[in-house]
Amino acid sequence: MVSLLTTFEEQSRPDRAALLIVDMQNDFCAQGGFLQKERGYNVEFAKTVAANIETALAAARAAGMLVVWIRSIYDFKYLAAPHILKRGKEGCCLEGSWGADFFMLEPRAGEPIVDKHHYSGFVGTKLDDVLREHAIETLILVGVATNVCVDSTLRDGFFRGYYIILLEDCVGSNSAAGHSGTLASVRNNIGIVASAAAWIDVLRNQGRARSAQTASG
């Protein structure tokens, strides 16, 4: 019989969960990045998203949780023909460029960085291997864009048997409709949607419980 993790608290345990930070890169998030400069997207939301992720990231690190950074590299030499056609113009998240660098956040030494050439962080990457190696059961998703790379990654994770927690104030998109649609899809069909504050409270309560158990034992 399959053993289910039925509660938010069980799924959030730091020894079985990983924080996945998706595509927090200059070309997607910064003024002067590809999406703002070439497509005219409003990326102002990204600063708030990055600040909220920074708070969630600090809590994850304090709890000893695995943190994985997912990074798009979209040089056309890496992309399939339909993806090239849809992108139209090369120049977004080119390998080694400022645009591909992380926006307002930085990995620490030892935190895995997974490069991808598709919307999903799982397709053609080492992500699943990294997660299985650490016995991860739950993915905590943050980053951009909610309805594109975050959505694709969480769906592929769900299909591979991972529990999904989406931190609603730690994801964002220039498309309000797309953002809301992904939140609704996750809430109704895939996993848990929660605020960063609610999730951090769970981690802190678990930490206090572990400390009390250690003191009494």
Protein backbone atom coordinates (compact mmCIF):
# COMPACT_ATOMS: atom_id res chain seq x y z
CA MET A 1 0.00 0.00 0.00
CA VAL A 2 1.23 3.50 -0.85
CA SER A 3 2.02 5.66 2.18
CA LEU A 4 0.54 9.13 1.67
CA LEU A 5 1.81 12.42 3.04
CA THR A 6 -1.60 13.95 3.63
CA THR A 7 -0.82 17.23 5.36
CA PHE A 8 0.97 20.46 4.52
CA GLU A 9 3.22 19.82 7.52
CA GLU A 10 4.20 16.30 6.44
CA GLN A 11 4.96 17.37 2.90
CA SER A 12 7.05 20.34 4.07
CA ARG A 13 9.48 18.39 6.26
CA PRO A 14 12.94 19.69 5.32
CA ASP A 15 14.48 16.23 5.14
CA ARG A 16 12.07 15.19 2.39
CA ALA A 17 11.45 18.49 0.53
CA ALA A 18 13.48 20.65 -1.84
CA LEU A 19 13.10 24.32 -2.71
CA LEU A 20 13.23 24.72 -6.51
CA ILE A 21 14.06 28.26 -7.68
CA VAL A 22 13.00 28.54 -11.31
CA ASP A 23 14.47 31.01 -13.83
CA MET A 24 15.14 33.98 -11.56
CA GLN A 25 17.39 35.45 -14.28
CA ASN A 26 18.04 38.93 -15.61
CA ASP A 27 16.55 38.34 -19.05
CA PHE A 28 13.24 37.37 -17.46
CA CYS A 29 13.23 39.73 -14.47
CA ALA A 30 15.41 42.81 -14.91
CA GLN A 31 14.92 46.18 -16.54
CA GLY A 32 17.08 45.96 -19.66
CA GLY A 33 16.65 42.19 -19.81
CA PHE A 34 15.41 40.48 -22.95
CA LEU A 35 11.72 40.33 -22.07
CA GLN A 36 11.55 43.97 -21.02
CA LYS A 37 13.83 45.36 -23.72
CA GLU A 38 12.85 43.23 -26.73
CA ARG A 39 9.22 42.39 -25.98
CA GLY A 40 8.16 45.31 -23.85
CA TYR A 41 7.03 43.15 -20.94
CA ASN A 42 6.35 44.75 -17.58
CA VAL A 43 8.76 43.02 -15.21
CA GLU A 44 8.28 45.21 -12.14
CA PHE A 45 6.60 42.31 -10.33
CA ALA A 46 9.92 40.44 -10.31
CA LYS A 47 11.47 42.62 -7.60
CA THR A 48 8.71 41.71 -5.15
CA VAL A 49 8.90 38.06 -6.15
CA ALA A 50 12.68 38.06 -5.61
CA ALA A 51 12.34 39.69 -2.18
CA ASN A 52 9.75 37.10 -1.13
CA ILE A 53 11.92 34.27 -2.43
CA GLU A 54 14.86 35.65 -0.46
CA THR A 55 12.82 35.29 2.75
CA ALA A 56 11.70 31.76 1.84
CA LEU A 57 15.25 30.84 0.83
CA ALA A 58 16.64 31.95 4.19
CA ALA A 59 14.08 29.77 5.97
CA ALA A 60 14.85 26.77 3.76
CA ARG A 61 18.58 27.12 4.35
CA ALA A 62 18.09 27.52 8.10
CA ALA A 63 16.04 24.32 8.12
CA GLY A 64 18.73 22.42 6.21
CA MET A 65 16.52 21.92 3.15
CA LEU A 66 17.96 21.13 -0.26
CA VAL A 67 17.90 24.20 -2.53
CA VAL A 68 18.08 23.67 -6.29
CA TRP A 69 18.53 26.50 -8.80
CA ILE A 70 17.00 25.96 -12.24
CA ARG A 71 18.43 28.12 -15.01
CA SER A 72 17.33 28.56 -18.63
CA ILE A 73 20.00 28.55 -21.34
CA TYR A 74 18.30 29.36 -24.63
CA ASP A 75 21.04 29.57 -27.26
CA PHE A 76 19.39 28.27 -30.42
CA LYS A 77 22.01 25.52 -30.76
CA TYR A 78 20.39 23.86 -27.73
CA LEU A 79 16.72 24.26 -28.72
CA ALA A 80 14.35 22.05 -30.68
CA ALA A 81 12.97 23.50 -33.93
CA PRO A 82 9.45 24.25 -32.58
CA HIS A 83 10.98 26.10 -29.64
CA ILE A 84 13.18 28.16 -31.96
CA LEU A 85 10.16 29.00 -34.09
CA LYS A 86 8.16 30.14 -31.07
CA ARG A 87 10.99 32.26 -29.66
CA GLY A 88 11.50 33.98 -33.01
CA LYS A 89 14.69 35.80 -32.11
CA GLU A 90 17.85 34.50 -30.47
CA GLY A 91 19.19 36.52 -27.55
CA CYS A 92 17.36 35.41 -24.41
CA CYS A 93 19.43 33.76 -21.66
CA LEU A 94 22.47 33.14 -23.79
CA GLU A 95 25.13 30.98 -22.19
CA GLY A 96 27.59 33.03 -20.12
CA SER A 97 25.69 36.29 -20.60
CA TRP A 98 24.44 38.86 -18.08
CA GLY A 99 20.92 37.95 -19.16
CA ALA A 100 21.39 34.37 -18.02
CA ASP A 101 22.76 35.45 -14.62
CA PHE A 102 20.58 35.20 -11.53
CA PHE A 103 18.46 38.21 -10.60
CA MET A 104 18.78 39.62 -7.06
CA LEU A 105 19.57 36.18 -5.65
CA GLU A 106 22.67 34.00 -5.59
CA PRO A 107 23.30 30.30 -5.01
CA ARG A 108 25.56 29.26 -2.18
CA ALA A 109 28.45 26.87 -2.70
CA GLY A 110 27.12 23.33 -2.87
CA GLU A 111 23.59 24.23 -3.98
CA PRO A 112 22.95 22.44 -7.28
CA ILE A 113 22.38 24.49 -10.44
CA VAL A 114 20.42 22.72 -13.17
CA ASP A 115 20.62 24.18 -16.68
CA LYS A 116 17.67 23.53 -18.98
CA HIS A 117 16.80 24.14 -22.61
CA HIS A 118 13.05 23.65 -22.33
CA TYR A 119 10.34 25.19 -20.16
CA SER A 120 10.40 22.20 -17.82
CA GLY A 121 13.30 21.77 -15.44
CA PHE A 122 13.06 18.00 -15.87
CA VAL A 123 13.36 17.58 -19.65
CA GLY A 124 16.88 16.59 -20.66
CA THR A 125 18.42 17.59 -17.30
CA LYS A 126 19.90 16.05 -14.16
CA LEU A 127 17.12 17.41 -11.93
CA ASP A 128 15.33 14.13 -11.23
CA ASP A 129 18.65 12.42 -10.44
CA VAL A 130 19.60 15.18 -7.97
CA LEU A 131 16.24 14.93 -6.21
CA ARG A 132 16.25 11.11 -6.03
CA GLU A 133 19.81 11.18 -4.72
CA HIS A 134 18.57 13.25 -1.76
CA ALA A 135 15.41 11.13 -1.24
CA ILE A 136 13.20 14.13 -2.00
CA GLU A 137 9.42 13.61 -2.02
CA THR A 138 8.11 17.19 -2.15
CA LEU A 139 8.96 20.08 -4.45
CA ILE A 140 8.49 23.65 -3.19
CA LEU A 141 8.19 25.79 -6.33
CA VAL A 142 9.16 29.47 -6.62
CA GLY A 143 10.27 31.67 -9.52
CA VAL A 144 9.10 32.82 -12.96
CA ALA A 145 7.05 32.68 -15.02
CA THR A 146 4.22 31.14 -13.04
CA ASN A 147 2.35 29.96 -16.14
CA VAL A 148 5.32 28.88 -18.25
CA CYS A 149 8.49 27.40 -16.71
CA VAL A 150 7.18 27.10 -13.15
CA ASP A 151 4.00 25.47 -14.44
CA SER A 152 5.87 23.11 -16.77
CA THR A 153 8.31 22.07 -14.04
CA LEU A 154 5.69 21.46 -11.36
CA ARG A 155 3.54 19.41 -13.75
CA ASP A 156 6.48 17.23 -14.76
CA GLY A 157 7.38 16.83 -11.09
CA PHE A 158 3.82 15.79 -10.27
CA PHE A 159 3.83 13.28 -13.14
CA ARG A 160 7.03 11.80 -11.71
CA GLY A 161 5.42 11.28 -8.30
CA TYR A 162 6.53 14.33 -6.33
CA TYR A 163 4.22 16.25 -4.02
CA ILE A 164 3.90 19.86 -5.15
CA ILE A 165 3.74 23.01 -2.99
CA LEU A 166 3.53 26.31 -4.86
CA LEU A 167 4.33 29.48 -2.89
CA GLU A 168 1.89 31.95 -4.44
CA ASP A 169 3.72 35.15 -3.48
CA CYS A 170 7.07 33.75 -4.61
CA VAL A 171 6.01 33.24 -8.23
CA GLY A 172 5.05 35.80 -10.85
CA SER A 173 4.29 36.52 -14.48
CA ASN A 174 3.62 39.49 -16.73
CA SER A 175 0.35 37.68 -17.51
CA ALA A 176 -2.09 38.08 -14.62
CA ALA A 177 -4.49 35.62 -16.27
CA GLY A 178 -1.74 33.03 -16.75
CA HIS A 179 -0.55 33.45 -13.17
CA SER A 180 -4.06 33.00 -11.76
CA GLY A 181 -4.70 30.03 -14.04
CA THR A 182 -1.67 28.12 -12.78
CA LEU A 183 -2.56 28.81 -9.15
CA ALA A 184 -6.07 27.47 -9.80
CA SER A 185 -4.78 24.38 -11.62
CA VAL A 186 -2.37 23.51 -8.83
CA ARG A 187 -4.94 24.12 -6.12
CA ASN A 188 -7.60 22.04 -7.85
CA ASN A 189 -5.64 19.23 -9.47
CA ILE A 190 -2.00 19.00 -8.44
CA GLY A 191 -0.93 20.10 -4.98
CA ILE A 192 -0.95 22.82 -2.36
CA VAL A 193 -0.90 26.58 -2.90
CA ALA A 194 0.30 28.55 0.12
CA SER A 195 1.85 31.85 1.08
CA ALA A 196 5.53 32.00 1.92
CA ALA A 197 4.63 33.13 5.45
CA ALA A 198 2.41 30.10 6.07
CA TRP A 199 5.10 27.74 4.79
CA ILE A 200 7.83 29.42 6.85
CA ASP A 201 5.64 29.10 9.96
CA VAL A 202 5.42 25.36 9.33
CA LEU A 203 9.20 25.08 9.04
CA ARG A 204 9.75 27.08 12.22
CA ASN A 205 7.23 25.03 14.18
CA GLN A 206 8.91 21.85 13.02
CA GLY A 207 12.29 23.25 14.04
CA ARG A 208 11.00 24.11 17.52
CA ALA A 209 9.52 20.62 17.86
CA ARG A 210 12.82 19.01 16.89
CA SER A 211 14.72 21.20 19.34
CA ALA A 212 12.31 20.33 22.15
CA GLN A 213 12.57 16.63 21.36
CA THR A 214 16.38 16.81 21.38
CA ALA A 215 16.39 18.69 24.70
CA SER A 216 14.08 16.16 26.33
CA GLY A 217 15.82 13.14 24.87
